[in-house]
Amino acid sequence: MMELVITSGMLTPVLVVFLIVIIAFSMFHILREYQRGVIFFLGRFQAVKGPGLIIVVPFIQQIVKVDLRTVVMDVPSQDVISRDNVSVRVNAVIYFRVLDSQKAIINVEDYFQATSQLAQTTLRSVLGQHDLDEMLANRDMLNADIQSILDARTDGWGIKVSNVEIKHVDLNETMIRAIAKQAEAERVRRAKVIHASGEMEASEKLVEAAGRLAQQPNAILLRYLQTLTEIAGEKSSTILFPMPTELMSTLFKTNKDGDK
């Protein structure tokens, strides 16, 4: 049988060729359209390159890839005490993207984790300055306030916070029942106000109608006849004949004259 013998003299060129191939492949980096490469030359910042084919010299240059697409971050639920001392749990979602790759890599260790922690503290701080009713009714205003604060604080990291949305405001059972009672009381109050307003308008119309009838004595007689017609149409066994006060006074006056 034939034995394959590899000497040390043969092994050295093979290793050299293998290392050269590995180094040659590691020099080339392909960055997609939404990616950028932050290049460091012996530890110092050199340039931001990409997209496309990037050549990096091994052991001398280093590349850190940055994704420029919008990131959707879910902010965990936070315990918030409102200005009127109501404890609630609030969670939100923020949308941000990297605008300056150099700042995002150099100015902060982990821009994703830093933005997440800043969003949590800002959410508690801003919502704690408002009442519960404002949290439930004015979410657009609160979203804008949180977004402006986050955008200003992350500007030094090369981050742009484009939008903030409060997703849920969770209340305990006691507070839910209290809000339901408050809403019911508000509906009762509105019903009473509407009823009183209707009574006021009706009384004003009645006063106005009485004034007009007083100016036309014949008009009230027609009203009496109309009332008799309505009563007769209901097939009632009892018929009421309204007697005008003017007629009664005339009869009394006639009787007195007859007695005299």
Protein backbone atom coordinates (compact mmCIF):
# COMPACT_ATOMS: atom_id res chain seq x y z
CA MET A 1 0.00 0.00 0.00
CA MET A 2 1.05 3.55 -0.76
CA GLU A 3 1.26 6.01 2.11
CA LEU A 4 0.66 9.74 1.71
CA VAL A 5 3.34 11.62 3.54
CA ILE A 6 2.98 15.40 4.06
CA THR A 7 6.11 17.08 5.20
CA SER A 8 6.35 20.38 7.02
CA GLY A 9 7.75 21.97 3.89
CA MET A 10 4.56 21.15 2.00
CA LEU A 11 2.23 22.25 4.82
CA THR A 12 3.53 25.79 5.07
CA PRO A 13 2.56 26.97 1.54
CA VAL A 14 -0.90 25.47 1.92
CA LEU A 15 -1.51 27.39 5.15
CA VAL A 16 -0.23 30.59 3.59
CA VAL A 17 -2.56 30.25 0.61
CA PHE A 18 -5.49 29.42 2.90
CA LEU A 19 -4.86 32.49 5.07
CA ILE A 20 -4.53 34.70 2.03
CA VAL A 21 -7.88 33.49 0.72
CA ILE A 22 -9.57 34.10 4.08
CA ILE A 23 -8.08 37.59 4.35
CA ALA A 24 -9.06 38.42 0.78
CA PHE A 25 -12.68 37.40 1.41
CA SER A 26 -12.81 39.28 4.72
CA MET A 27 -11.75 42.49 2.99
CA PHE A 28 -14.96 42.76 1.01
CA HIS A 29 -18.25 43.80 2.62
CA ILE A 30 -21.51 44.33 0.77
CA LEU A 31 -23.86 46.82 2.43
CA ARG A 32 -27.49 47.00 1.44
CA GLU A 33 -29.33 50.20 0.61
CA TYR A 34 -30.54 50.66 4.19
CA GLN A 35 -27.14 49.93 5.76
CA ARG A 36 -24.10 52.07 6.47
CA GLY A 37 -20.62 51.10 7.64
CA VAL A 38 -18.72 53.13 10.23
CA ILE A 39 -15.00 52.62 9.47
CA PHE A 40 -12.33 52.84 12.16
CA PHE A 41 -8.63 53.06 11.25
CA LEU A 42 -6.49 51.72 14.09
CA GLY A 43 -9.26 52.56 16.52
CA ARG A 44 -9.90 56.09 15.26
CA PHE A 45 -12.98 57.10 13.31
CA GLN A 46 -12.23 57.35 9.60
CA ALA A 47 -15.44 57.54 7.55
CA VAL A 48 -18.99 56.36 7.01
CA LYS A 49 -19.35 54.28 3.86
CA GLY A 50 -22.09 52.51 2.00
CA PRO A 51 -24.23 51.22 0.49
CA GLY A 52 -22.52 48.89 -1.98
CA LEU A 53 -19.16 47.14 -1.95
CA ILE A 54 -16.83 48.22 0.84
CA ILE A 55 -13.17 47.21 1.13
CA VAL A 56 -11.81 47.00 4.67
CA VAL A 57 -8.17 46.16 5.36
CA PRO A 58 -8.08 43.43 8.04
CA PHE A 59 -6.31 44.11 11.35
CA ILE A 60 -5.98 47.78 10.41
CA GLN A 61 -9.53 48.84 9.74
CA GLN A 62 -12.73 47.78 11.47
CA ILE A 63 -16.31 48.20 10.30
CA VAL A 64 -19.47 48.56 12.36
CA LYS A 65 -22.70 48.16 10.42
CA VAL A 66 -25.70 50.39 11.19
CA ASP A 67 -29.29 49.81 10.09
CA LEU A 68 -31.06 53.00 8.95
CA ARG A 69 -34.57 51.58 8.79
CA THR A 70 -37.32 52.74 11.17
CA VAL A 71 -37.37 50.71 14.36
CA VAL A 72 -40.67 49.92 16.11
CA MET A 73 -39.98 49.65 19.84
CA ASP A 74 -42.56 48.44 22.33
CA VAL A 75 -42.17 50.28 25.64
CA PRO A 76 -42.97 47.91 28.55
CA SER A 77 -45.88 48.75 30.85
CA GLN A 78 -44.98 51.43 33.38
CA ASP A 79 -46.58 52.15 36.75
CA VAL A 80 -47.60 55.80 36.67
CA ILE A 81 -49.16 57.92 39.43
CA SER A 82 -51.17 60.74 37.88
CA ARG A 83 -51.35 64.29 39.24
CA ASP A 84 -54.65 63.46 40.97
CA ASN A 85 -52.99 60.46 42.73
CA VAL A 86 -54.46 57.67 40.59
CA SER A 87 -52.24 54.64 39.97
CA VAL A 88 -52.37 53.30 36.40
CA ARG A 89 -50.26 51.08 34.14
CA VAL A 90 -49.39 52.56 30.77
CA ASN A 91 -47.54 51.11 27.80
CA ALA A 92 -46.61 52.72 24.51
CA VAL A 93 -44.82 52.19 21.21
CA ILE A 94 -42.22 54.49 19.66
CA TYR A 95 -40.91 54.78 16.10
CA PHE A 96 -37.34 55.96 15.56
CA ARG A 97 -34.48 55.65 13.09
CA VAL A 98 -30.77 56.42 12.89
CA LEU A 99 -29.99 59.63 11.00
CA ASP A 100 -26.28 59.97 11.86
CA SER A 101 -24.43 56.65 11.93
CA GLN A 102 -21.28 58.22 13.37
CA LYS A 103 -23.08 59.63 16.43
CA ALA A 104 -25.09 56.46 16.94
CA ILE A 105 -21.92 54.37 17.26
CA ILE A 106 -19.50 56.81 18.91
CA ASN A 107 -21.66 58.91 21.25
CA VAL A 108 -23.58 56.08 22.93
CA GLU A 109 -22.68 52.48 23.74
CA ASP A 110 -25.97 50.88 22.66
CA TYR A 111 -28.38 53.35 21.05
CA PHE A 112 -31.25 50.84 21.02
CA GLN A 113 -31.04 50.12 24.76
CA ALA A 114 -30.44 53.78 25.58
CA THR A 115 -33.51 54.87 23.61
CA SER A 116 -35.64 52.21 25.31
CA GLN A 117 -34.62 53.28 28.82
CA LEU A 118 -35.09 56.96 27.99
CA ALA A 119 -38.57 56.25 26.59
CA GLN A 120 -39.62 54.49 29.82
CA THR A 121 -38.47 57.29 32.12
CA THR A 122 -39.93 60.00 29.87
CA LEU A 123 -43.28 58.19 29.74
CA ARG A 124 -43.53 58.11 33.54
CA SER A 125 -42.35 61.70 33.90
CA VAL A 126 -44.75 63.24 31.36
CA LEU A 127 -47.85 61.27 32.33
CA GLY A 128 -47.26 61.97 36.03
CA GLN A 129 -47.83 65.68 35.33
CA HIS A 130 -51.39 65.14 34.05
CA ASP A 131 -54.72 64.05 35.52
CA LEU A 132 -56.37 60.75 34.70
CA ASP A 133 -59.03 62.46 32.59
CA GLU A 134 -56.32 64.02 30.43
CA MET A 135 -54.63 60.63 29.95
CA LEU A 136 -57.89 59.16 28.72
CA ALA A 137 -59.12 62.09 26.61
CA ASN A 138 -56.02 63.92 25.34
CA ARG A 139 -53.75 61.16 24.09
CA ASP A 140 -52.73 63.08 20.99
CA MET A 141 -51.39 65.93 23.10
CA LEU A 142 -49.50 63.52 25.39
CA ASN A 143 -48.06 61.64 22.41
CA ALA A 144 -46.77 64.90 20.94
CA ASP A 145 -45.20 65.96 24.25
CA ILE A 146 -43.39 62.65 24.73
CA GLN A 147 -42.22 62.61 21.11
CA SER A 148 -40.76 66.12 21.29
CA ILE A 149 -38.88 65.36 24.52
CA LEU A 150 -37.44 62.08 23.21
CA ASP A 151 -36.47 63.64 19.90
CA ALA A 152 -34.60 66.45 21.64
CA ARG A 153 -32.72 64.15 24.03
CA THR A 154 -31.73 61.59 21.39
CA ASP A 155 -30.52 64.19 18.90
CA GLY A 156 -26.98 63.89 20.28
CA TRP A 157 -27.07 60.15 19.53
CA GLY A 158 -28.01 60.68 15.90
CA ILE A 159 -31.52 59.30 16.53
CA LYS A 160 -34.76 60.73 15.13
CA VAL A 161 -37.93 59.83 17.06
CA SER A 162 -40.71 60.24 14.51
CA ASN A 163 -43.76 59.12 16.49
CA VAL A 164 -44.97 57.99 19.92
CA GLU A 165 -48.29 56.25 20.55
CA ILE A 166 -49.78 55.42 23.96
CA LYS A 167 -51.41 52.01 23.53
CA HIS A 168 -53.19 51.19 26.78
CA VAL A 169 -54.04 52.89 30.07
CA ASP A 170 -54.98 50.08 32.46
CA LEU A 171 -57.07 50.89 35.56
CA ASN A 172 -57.91 48.75 38.56
CA GLU A 173 -61.46 47.54 39.19
CA THR A 174 -62.17 50.15 41.89
CA MET A 175 -61.28 53.02 39.59
CA ILE A 176 -63.30 51.55 36.72
CA ARG A 177 -66.41 51.41 38.95
CA ALA A 178 -65.80 54.96 40.14
CA ILE A 179 -65.53 56.21 36.56
CA ALA A 180 -68.74 54.36 35.64
CA LYS A 181 -70.58 56.02 38.55
CA GLN A 182 -69.21 59.40 37.53
CA ALA A 183 -70.38 58.90 33.95
CA GLU A 184 -73.83 57.83 35.14
CA ALA A 185 -74.12 60.89 37.40
CA GLU A 186 -73.09 63.10 34.51
CA ARG A 187 -75.81 61.60 32.29
CA VAL A 188 -78.43 62.17 35.02
CA ARG A 189 -77.29 65.77 35.42
CA ARG A 190 -77.55 66.41 31.70
CA ALA A 191 -81.04 64.86 31.60
CA LYS A 192 -82.22 67.12 34.43
CA VAL A 193 -80.73 70.18 32.76
CA ILE A 194 -82.40 69.32 29.46
CA HIS A 195 -85.75 68.71 31.22
CA ALA A 196 -85.53 72.02 33.09
CA SER A 197 -84.62 73.83 29.90
CA GLY A 198 -87.65 72.30 28.17
CA GLU A 199 -89.94 73.34 31.02
CA MET A 200 -88.59 76.89 30.81
CA GLU A 201 -89.18 77.10 27.07
CA ALA A 202 -92.69 75.61 27.46
CA SER A 203 -93.60 78.14 30.18
CA GLU A 204 -92.40 81.00 28.01
CA LYS A 205 -94.54 79.78 25.12
CA LEU A 206 -97.58 79.38 27.40
CA VAL A 207 -97.20 82.92 28.70
CA GLU A 208 -96.91 84.18 25.15
CA ALA A 209 -100.03 82.21 24.09
CA ALA A 210 -102.01 83.47 27.09
CA GLY A 211 -101.13 87.06 26.20
CA ARG A 212 -102.33 86.64 22.65
CA LEU A 213 -105.57 84.94 23.75
CA ALA A 214 -106.23 87.77 26.20
CA GLN A 215 -105.99 90.26 23.35
CA GLN A 216 -108.62 88.36 21.31
CA PRO A 217 -111.62 87.23 23.42
CA ASN A 218 -113.13 85.29 20.51
CA ALA A 219 -109.96 83.26 20.17
CA ILE A 220 -110.41 81.69 23.60
CA LEU A 221 -113.99 80.70 22.68
CA LEU A 222 -112.65 78.91 19.60
CA ARG A 223 -110.16 77.16 21.81
CA TYR A 224 -113.00 75.95 24.04
CA LEU A 225 -114.88 74.57 21.06
CA GLN A 226 -111.76 72.79 19.81
CA THR A 227 -111.30 71.18 23.23
CA LEU A 228 -114.93 69.96 23.20
CA THR A 229 -114.39 68.42 19.77
CA GLU A 230 -111.30 66.55 21.01
CA ILE A 231 -113.13 65.23 24.08
CA ALA A 232 -116.11 64.04 22.00
CA GLY A 233 -113.79 62.21 19.61
CA GLU A 234 -112.34 60.10 22.43
CA LYS A 235 -115.76 58.40 23.07
CA SER A 236 -115.61 59.30 26.73
CA SER A 237 -118.65 58.86 28.98
CA THR A 238 -117.84 62.09 30.77
CA ILE A 239 -117.92 65.42 28.99
CA LEU A 240 -116.58 68.53 30.59
CA PHE A 241 -117.93 71.91 29.54
CA PRO A 242 -115.41 74.59 30.31
CA MET A 243 -117.06 77.76 31.54
CA PRO A 244 -115.24 81.00 30.82
CA THR A 245 -114.71 83.21 33.82
CA GLU A 246 -116.06 86.17 31.86
CA LEU A 247 -119.36 84.31 31.35
CA MET A 248 -119.59 83.42 35.03
CA SER A 249 -119.04 87.01 36.08
CA THR A 250 -121.76 88.11 33.63
CA LEU A 251 -124.24 85.59 35.06
CA PHE A 252 -123.51 86.69 38.60
CA LYS A 253 -124.00 90.27 37.60
CA THR A 254 -127.35 89.43 35.91
CA ASN A 255 -128.61 87.62 39.00
CA LYS A 256 -127.73 90.52 41.19
CA ASP A 257 -129.55 92.93 38.87
CA GLY A 258 -132.64 90.64 38.87
CA ASP A 259 -132.69 90.52 42.64
CA LYS A 260 -132.56 94.23 42.76
